[in-house]
Amino acid sequence: MIEFHLDTRSGVSPYLQLVHQVRRALRLGLLQVGDQLPTVKDVVARIAINPNTVLKAYRELEHAGLVAARPGIGTFVTKTLADGSVASYGPLRQDLQRWLAKARRAGLDDDSIDALLQDTFRSATRQVVA
């Protein structure tokens, strides 16, 4: 089961953070069709968030066709975003972990690593499009 977390410094609304976390878990194959999302009550208790915020996130995921609410039972995954290449993520993850260790040894903190990754990603995306 997915465990949500909030980054109050991200500038991203809490409900969108929940949506992004579910989409990421679906894309990486961490959530499968039939898996149950945490109940609204559990999410509220775990991360101190307004229940309406969780409901809004779950409604957006339902509207996208990724989950379905079963009244009195819970919210369940109905579609995955993982493609056939999920198995290839292992070696890429290992490469990234080595790179992160190298970045740490170079003295980069979390925010610096995130900024470098985001900037590099955007630059690479622009180059592919151009």
N, C-alpha and C. Protein backbone atom coordinates (compact mmCIF):
# COMPACT_ATOMS: atom_id res chain seq x y z
N MET A 1 0.85 -1.18 0.00
CA MET A 1 0.00 0.00 0.00
C MET A 1 0.89 1.24 0.00
N ILE A 2 0.45 2.24 -0.68
CA ILE A 2 1.19 3.49 -0.79
C ILE A 2 1.12 4.26 0.53
N GLU A 3 2.21 4.91 0.88
CA GLU A 3 2.24 5.79 2.05
C GLU A 3 2.50 7.20 1.56
N PHE A 4 1.53 8.06 1.74
CA PHE A 4 1.63 9.43 1.27
C PHE A 4 2.53 10.27 2.17
N HIS A 5 3.11 11.30 1.58
CA HIS A 5 3.88 12.30 2.33
C HIS A 5 3.65 13.64 1.66
N LEU A 6 3.81 14.70 2.42
CA LEU A 6 3.64 16.05 1.88
C LEU A 6 4.94 16.82 2.02
N ASP A 7 5.24 17.61 1.00
CA ASP A 7 6.39 18.51 1.03
C ASP A 7 5.84 19.92 1.06
N THR A 8 5.85 20.53 2.23
CA THR A 8 5.26 21.86 2.39
C THR A 8 6.06 22.93 1.67
N ARG A 9 7.31 22.61 1.29
CA ARG A 9 8.15 23.60 0.60
C ARG A 9 8.06 23.50 -0.91
N SER A 10 7.31 22.55 -1.43
CA SER A 10 7.32 22.29 -2.87
C SER A 10 6.56 23.34 -3.69
N GLY A 11 5.61 24.00 -3.07
CA GLY A 11 4.79 24.94 -3.83
C GLY A 11 3.66 24.24 -4.59
N VAL A 12 3.57 22.93 -4.48
CA VAL A 12 2.52 22.15 -5.13
C VAL A 12 1.42 21.91 -4.10
N SER A 13 0.18 22.11 -4.51
CA SER A 13 -0.93 21.93 -3.57
C SER A 13 -0.95 20.51 -3.03
N PRO A 14 -1.39 20.36 -1.78
CA PRO A 14 -1.40 19.02 -1.17
C PRO A 14 -2.18 17.98 -1.97
N TYR A 15 -3.35 18.36 -2.51
CA TYR A 15 -4.11 17.36 -3.25
C TYR A 15 -3.36 16.91 -4.50
N LEU A 16 -2.67 17.83 -5.17
CA LEU A 16 -1.89 17.45 -6.35
C LEU A 16 -0.69 16.58 -5.97
N GLN A 17 -0.12 16.82 -4.81
CA GLN A 17 0.99 15.96 -4.36
C GLN A 17 0.50 14.53 -4.21
N LEU A 18 -0.71 14.35 -3.65
CA LEU A 18 -1.26 13.00 -3.51
C LEU A 18 -1.51 12.37 -4.88
N VAL A 19 -2.09 13.15 -5.79
CA VAL A 19 -2.36 12.66 -7.15
C VAL A 19 -1.05 12.24 -7.81
N HIS A 20 -0.04 13.09 -7.72
CA HIS A 20 1.26 12.78 -8.35
C HIS A 20 1.89 11.54 -7.75
N GLN A 21 1.75 11.36 -6.44
CA GLN A 21 2.33 10.19 -5.79
C GLN A 21 1.65 8.90 -6.26
N VAL A 22 0.33 8.94 -6.43
CA VAL A 22 -0.37 7.76 -6.93
C VAL A 22 0.03 7.50 -8.37
N ARG A 23 0.06 8.54 -9.20
CA ARG A 23 0.45 8.36 -10.60
C ARG A 23 1.88 7.80 -10.70
N ARG A 24 2.78 8.29 -9.88
CA ARG A 24 4.16 7.81 -9.88
C ARG A 24 4.19 6.33 -9.50
N ALA A 25 3.46 5.97 -8.47
CA ALA A 25 3.42 4.56 -8.03
C ALA A 25 2.82 3.67 -9.12
N LEU A 26 1.82 4.17 -9.83
CA LEU A 26 1.23 3.41 -10.94
C LEU A 26 2.23 3.26 -12.09
N ARG A 27 2.95 4.33 -12.36
CA ARG A 27 3.92 4.31 -13.46
C ARG A 27 5.09 3.36 -13.17
N LEU A 28 5.50 3.29 -11.92
CA LEU A 28 6.63 2.45 -11.54
C LEU A 28 6.21 1.02 -11.22
N GLY A 29 4.92 0.75 -11.30
CA GLY A 29 4.45 -0.60 -11.01
C GLY A 29 4.37 -0.92 -9.53
N LEU A 30 4.43 0.11 -8.69
CA LEU A 30 4.34 -0.10 -7.24
C LEU A 30 2.90 -0.33 -6.80
N LEU A 31 1.96 0.17 -7.58
CA LEU A 31 0.53 -0.09 -7.37
C LEU A 31 0.02 -0.85 -8.58
N GLN A 32 -0.77 -1.87 -8.33
CA GLN A 32 -1.32 -2.71 -9.38
C GLN A 32 -2.85 -2.63 -9.36
N VAL A 33 -3.46 -3.02 -10.47
CA VAL A 33 -4.91 -3.08 -10.53
C VAL A 33 -5.41 -3.97 -9.40
N GLY A 34 -6.40 -3.46 -8.67
CA GLY A 34 -6.97 -4.19 -7.54
C GLY A 34 -6.42 -3.75 -6.19
N ASP A 35 -5.27 -3.08 -6.18
CA ASP A 35 -4.71 -2.59 -4.92
C ASP A 35 -5.62 -1.51 -4.33
N GLN A 36 -5.69 -1.47 -3.02
CA GLN A 36 -6.50 -0.49 -2.33
C GLN A 36 -5.64 0.69 -1.90
N LEU A 37 -6.15 1.89 -2.12
CA LEU A 37 -5.49 3.09 -1.60
C LEU A 37 -5.85 3.21 -0.12
N PRO A 38 -5.03 3.91 0.65
CA PRO A 38 -5.37 4.12 2.06
C PRO A 38 -6.72 4.84 2.18
N THR A 39 -7.45 4.54 3.22
CA THR A 39 -8.72 5.23 3.42
C THR A 39 -8.44 6.70 3.71
N VAL A 40 -9.43 7.52 3.47
CA VAL A 40 -9.30 8.95 3.75
C VAL A 40 -8.94 9.15 5.22
N LYS A 41 -9.60 8.40 6.08
CA LYS A 41 -9.34 8.50 7.53
C LYS A 41 -7.88 8.17 7.85
N ASP A 42 -7.34 7.14 7.21
CA ASP A 42 -5.94 6.76 7.45
C ASP A 42 -4.98 7.84 6.98
N VAL A 43 -5.26 8.42 5.80
CA VAL A 43 -4.38 9.47 5.27
C VAL A 43 -4.42 10.69 6.17
N VAL A 44 -5.61 11.07 6.60
CA VAL A 44 -5.77 12.22 7.50
C VAL A 44 -4.98 12.01 8.79
N ALA A 45 -5.07 10.81 9.35
CA ALA A 45 -4.38 10.52 10.60
C ALA A 45 -2.87 10.49 10.41
N ARG A 46 -2.41 9.98 9.28
CA ARG A 46 -0.98 9.80 9.06
C ARG A 46 -0.26 11.10 8.73
N ILE A 47 -0.87 11.94 7.88
CA ILE A 47 -0.13 13.13 7.44
C ILE A 47 -0.80 14.45 7.81
N ALA A 48 -1.80 14.41 8.68
CA ALA A 48 -2.46 15.63 9.17
C ALA A 48 -2.89 16.52 8.01
N ILE A 49 -3.82 16.05 7.24
CA ILE A 49 -4.34 16.75 6.08
C ILE A 49 -5.85 16.80 6.17
N ASN A 50 -6.45 17.80 5.56
CA ASN A 50 -7.90 17.93 5.57
C ASN A 50 -8.53 16.78 4.76
N PRO A 51 -9.57 16.16 5.30
CA PRO A 51 -10.21 15.06 4.57
C PRO A 51 -10.71 15.46 3.18
N ASN A 52 -11.16 16.70 3.05
CA ASN A 52 -11.65 17.15 1.74
C ASN A 52 -10.52 17.20 0.70
N THR A 53 -9.31 17.45 1.16
CA THR A 53 -8.15 17.46 0.26
C THR A 53 -7.89 16.05 -0.28
N VAL A 54 -7.98 15.06 0.59
CA VAL A 54 -7.79 13.67 0.17
C VAL A 54 -8.90 13.27 -0.78
N LEU A 55 -10.13 13.63 -0.43
CA LEU A 55 -11.27 13.31 -1.29
C LEU A 55 -11.12 13.95 -2.67
N LYS A 56 -10.63 15.18 -2.72
CA LYS A 56 -10.43 15.85 -3.99
C LYS A 56 -9.40 15.11 -4.84
N ALA A 57 -8.32 14.66 -4.22
CA ALA A 57 -7.29 13.90 -4.93
C ALA A 57 -7.87 12.59 -5.46
N TYR A 58 -8.61 11.88 -4.62
CA TYR A 58 -9.19 10.60 -5.03
C TYR A 58 -10.21 10.80 -6.15
N ARG A 59 -10.99 11.89 -6.06
CA ARG A 59 -11.97 12.18 -7.14
C ARG A 59 -11.26 12.45 -8.46
N GLU A 60 -10.15 13.18 -8.41
CA GLU A 60 -9.40 13.45 -9.64
C GLU A 60 -8.86 12.15 -10.23
N LEU A 61 -8.34 11.28 -9.39
CA LEU A 61 -7.83 9.99 -9.86
C LEU A 61 -8.97 9.14 -10.43
N GLU A 62 -10.13 9.23 -9.81
CA GLU A 62 -11.30 8.48 -10.30
C GLU A 62 -11.75 9.04 -11.64
N HIS A 63 -11.77 10.36 -11.75
CA HIS A 63 -12.16 11.00 -13.01
C HIS A 63 -11.22 10.60 -14.15
N ALA A 64 -9.94 10.39 -13.81
CA ALA A 64 -8.95 9.97 -14.81
C ALA A 64 -9.05 8.48 -15.13
N GLY A 65 -9.93 7.77 -14.42
CA GLY A 65 -10.11 6.35 -14.68
C GLY A 65 -9.06 5.46 -14.06
N LEU A 66 -8.32 5.99 -13.09
CA LEU A 66 -7.23 5.23 -12.48
C LEU A 66 -7.67 4.46 -11.24
N VAL A 67 -8.70 4.97 -10.56
CA VAL A 67 -9.21 4.32 -9.36
C VAL A 67 -10.73 4.34 -9.38
N ALA A 68 -11.32 3.52 -8.54
CA ALA A 68 -12.77 3.52 -8.38
C ALA A 68 -13.08 3.39 -6.90
N ALA A 69 -14.03 4.21 -6.45
CA ALA A 69 -14.47 4.16 -5.06
C ALA A 69 -15.56 3.11 -4.93
N ARG A 70 -15.46 2.31 -3.90
CA ARG A 70 -16.51 1.34 -3.57
C ARG A 70 -17.05 1.76 -2.21
N PRO A 71 -18.22 2.40 -2.20
CA PRO A 71 -18.76 2.93 -0.95
C PRO A 71 -18.75 1.90 0.18
N GLY A 72 -18.22 2.33 1.31
CA GLY A 72 -18.15 1.49 2.49
C GLY A 72 -17.00 0.50 2.49
N ILE A 73 -16.28 0.41 1.36
CA ILE A 73 -15.17 -0.55 1.27
C ILE A 73 -13.84 0.16 1.10
N GLY A 74 -13.77 1.09 0.15
CA GLY A 74 -12.52 1.82 -0.08
C GLY A 74 -12.36 2.23 -1.53
N THR A 75 -11.17 2.69 -1.86
CA THR A 75 -10.84 3.14 -3.20
C THR A 75 -9.78 2.20 -3.76
N PHE A 76 -10.03 1.68 -4.97
CA PHE A 76 -9.19 0.65 -5.54
C PHE A 76 -8.65 1.06 -6.91
N VAL A 77 -7.44 0.62 -7.20
CA VAL A 77 -6.79 0.89 -8.48
C VAL A 77 -7.52 0.10 -9.57
N THR A 78 -7.85 0.79 -10.67
CA THR A 78 -8.53 0.14 -11.78
C THR A 78 -7.70 0.12 -13.06
N LYS A 79 -6.61 0.88 -13.05
CA LYS A 79 -5.77 0.97 -14.25
C LYS A 79 -4.35 1.28 -13.82
N THR A 80 -3.40 0.73 -14.54
CA THR A 80 -1.99 1.00 -14.24
C THR A 80 -1.41 1.92 -15.31
N LEU A 81 -0.35 2.59 -15.00
CA LEU A 81 0.35 3.43 -15.97
C LEU A 81 1.70 2.83 -16.35
N ALA A 82 2.00 1.68 -15.76
CA ALA A 82 3.29 1.02 -16.04
C ALA A 82 3.26 0.44 -17.45
N ASP A 83 4.35 0.58 -18.13
CA ASP A 83 4.46 -0.05 -19.45
C ASP A 83 5.33 -1.29 -19.33
N GLY A 84 5.60 -1.94 -20.39
CA GLY A 84 6.38 -3.17 -20.37
C GLY A 84 7.82 -2.98 -19.96
N SER A 85 8.28 -1.74 -19.87
CA SER A 85 9.69 -1.51 -19.59
C SER A 85 10.00 -1.36 -18.10
N VAL A 86 9.02 -1.61 -17.24
CA VAL A 86 9.26 -1.47 -15.80
C VAL A 86 10.44 -2.32 -15.35
N ALA A 87 10.62 -3.48 -15.95
CA ALA A 87 11.74 -4.35 -15.56
C ALA A 87 13.08 -3.69 -15.85
N SER A 88 13.11 -2.80 -16.84
CA SER A 88 14.37 -2.14 -17.17
C SER A 88 14.72 -1.03 -16.19
N TYR A 89 13.82 -0.70 -15.29
CA TYR A 89 14.07 0.37 -14.33
C TYR A 89 15.16 0.00 -13.33
N GLY A 90 15.33 -1.28 -13.04
CA GLY A 90 16.31 -1.72 -12.04
C GLY A 90 17.70 -1.20 -12.32
N PRO A 91 18.26 -1.49 -13.51
CA PRO A 91 19.61 -0.98 -13.81
C PRO A 91 19.66 0.55 -13.83
N LEU A 92 18.61 1.19 -14.32
CA LEU A 92 18.59 2.66 -14.33
C LEU A 92 18.56 3.20 -12.91
N ARG A 93 17.79 2.55 -12.04
CA ARG A 93 17.72 2.97 -10.64
C ARG A 93 19.10 2.84 -9.98
N GLN A 94 19.81 1.75 -10.28
CA GLN A 94 21.15 1.56 -9.71
C GLN A 94 22.10 2.66 -10.19
N ASP A 95 22.03 3.01 -11.49
CA ASP A 95 22.86 4.09 -12.02
C ASP A 95 22.53 5.41 -11.31
N LEU A 96 21.26 5.65 -11.12
CA LEU A 96 20.84 6.89 -10.47
C LEU A 96 21.29 6.91 -9.00
N GLN A 97 21.22 5.77 -8.32
CA GLN A 97 21.68 5.71 -6.94
C GLN A 97 23.18 6.00 -6.85
N ARG A 98 23.94 5.49 -7.81
CA ARG A 98 25.38 5.78 -7.82
C ARG A 98 25.61 7.27 -8.06
N TRP A 99 24.84 7.86 -8.98
CA TRP A 99 24.97 9.28 -9.26
C TRP A 99 24.61 10.11 -8.03
N LEU A 100 23.53 9.71 -7.33
CA LEU A 100 23.13 10.43 -6.12
C LEU A 100 24.22 10.36 -5.04
N ALA A 101 24.83 9.21 -4.89
CA ALA A 101 25.92 9.06 -3.92
C ALA A 101 27.08 9.99 -4.31
N LYS A 102 27.36 10.07 -5.60
CA LYS A 102 28.43 10.96 -6.08
C LYS A 102 28.08 12.43 -5.81
N ALA A 103 26.82 12.78 -6.02
CA ALA A 103 26.38 14.15 -5.76
C ALA A 103 26.51 14.48 -4.27
N ARG A 104 26.17 13.54 -3.42
CA ARG A 104 26.30 13.74 -1.97
C ARG A 104 27.77 13.94 -1.60
N ARG A 105 28.64 13.11 -2.18
CA ARG A 105 30.07 13.26 -1.88
C ARG A 105 30.59 14.61 -2.35
N ALA A 106 29.97 15.16 -3.39
CA ALA A 106 30.36 16.48 -3.90
C ALA A 106 29.80 17.61 -3.04
N GLY A 107 28.98 17.25 -2.02
CA GLY A 107 28.47 18.24 -1.09
C GLY A 107 27.09 18.80 -1.42
N LEU A 108 26.38 18.22 -2.38
CA LEU A 108 25.05 18.72 -2.72
C LEU A 108 24.02 18.26 -1.70
N ASP A 109 23.13 19.18 -1.30
CA ASP A 109 22.04 18.82 -0.41
C ASP A 109 20.81 18.46 -1.25
N ASP A 110 19.72 18.08 -0.59
CA ASP A 110 18.51 17.64 -1.31
C ASP A 110 18.02 18.68 -2.30
N ASP A 111 17.94 19.93 -1.86
CA ASP A 111 17.41 20.98 -2.74
C ASP A 111 18.32 21.19 -3.95
N SER A 112 19.63 21.13 -3.76
CA SER A 112 20.57 21.30 -4.87
C SER A 112 20.47 20.15 -5.86
N ILE A 113 20.34 18.94 -5.33
CA ILE A 113 20.18 17.77 -6.20
C ILE A 113 18.89 17.87 -7.00
N ASP A 114 17.81 18.23 -6.32
CA ASP A 114 16.52 18.37 -7.00
C ASP A 114 16.59 19.45 -8.08
N ALA A 115 17.20 20.58 -7.77
CA ALA A 115 17.31 21.67 -8.75
C ALA A 115 18.12 21.21 -9.96
N LEU A 116 19.22 20.51 -9.73
CA LEU A 116 20.06 20.03 -10.83
C LEU A 116 19.31 19.01 -11.68
N LEU A 117 18.61 18.09 -11.05
CA LEU A 117 17.84 17.09 -11.79
C LEU A 117 16.74 17.75 -12.63
N GLN A 118 15.99 18.66 -12.01
CA GLN A 118 14.90 19.32 -12.74
C GLN A 118 15.43 20.14 -13.91
N ASP A 119 16.50 20.89 -13.69
CA ASP A 119 17.06 21.70 -14.75
C ASP A 119 17.59 20.84 -15.89
N THR A 120 18.27 19.76 -15.55
CA THR A 120 18.82 18.86 -16.56
C THR A 120 17.69 18.18 -17.32
N PHE A 121 16.65 17.77 -16.61
CA PHE A 121 15.50 17.15 -17.26
C PHE A 121 14.85 18.10 -18.25
N ARG A 122 14.61 19.34 -17.81
CA ARG A 122 13.99 20.33 -18.71
C ARG A 122 14.87 20.61 -19.93
N SER A 123 16.17 20.73 -19.72
CA SER A 123 17.09 20.97 -20.83
C SER A 123 17.06 19.81 -21.82
N ALA A 124 17.09 18.60 -21.30
CA ALA A 124 17.08 17.42 -22.17
C ALA A 124 15.76 17.32 -22.92
N THR A 125 14.67 17.67 -22.27
CA THR A 125 13.36 17.61 -22.91
C THR A 125 13.28 18.64 -24.04
N ARG A 126 13.81 19.83 -23.80
CA ARG A 126 13.80 20.87 -24.84
C ARG A 126 14.65 20.44 -26.03
N GLN A 127 15.77 19.77 -25.79
CA GLN A 127 16.64 19.32 -26.87
C GLN A 127 15.97 18.27 -27.72
N VAL A 128 15.20 17.39 -27.10
CA VAL A 128 14.50 16.33 -27.85
C VAL A 128 13.43 16.93 -28.73
N VAL A 129 12.72 17.95 -28.22
CA VAL A 129 11.65 18.59 -28.97
C VAL A 129 12.19 19.42 -30.12
N ALA A 130 13.32 20.07 -29.91
CA ALA A 130 13.87 20.97 -30.92
C ALA A 130 14.38 20.25 -32.15
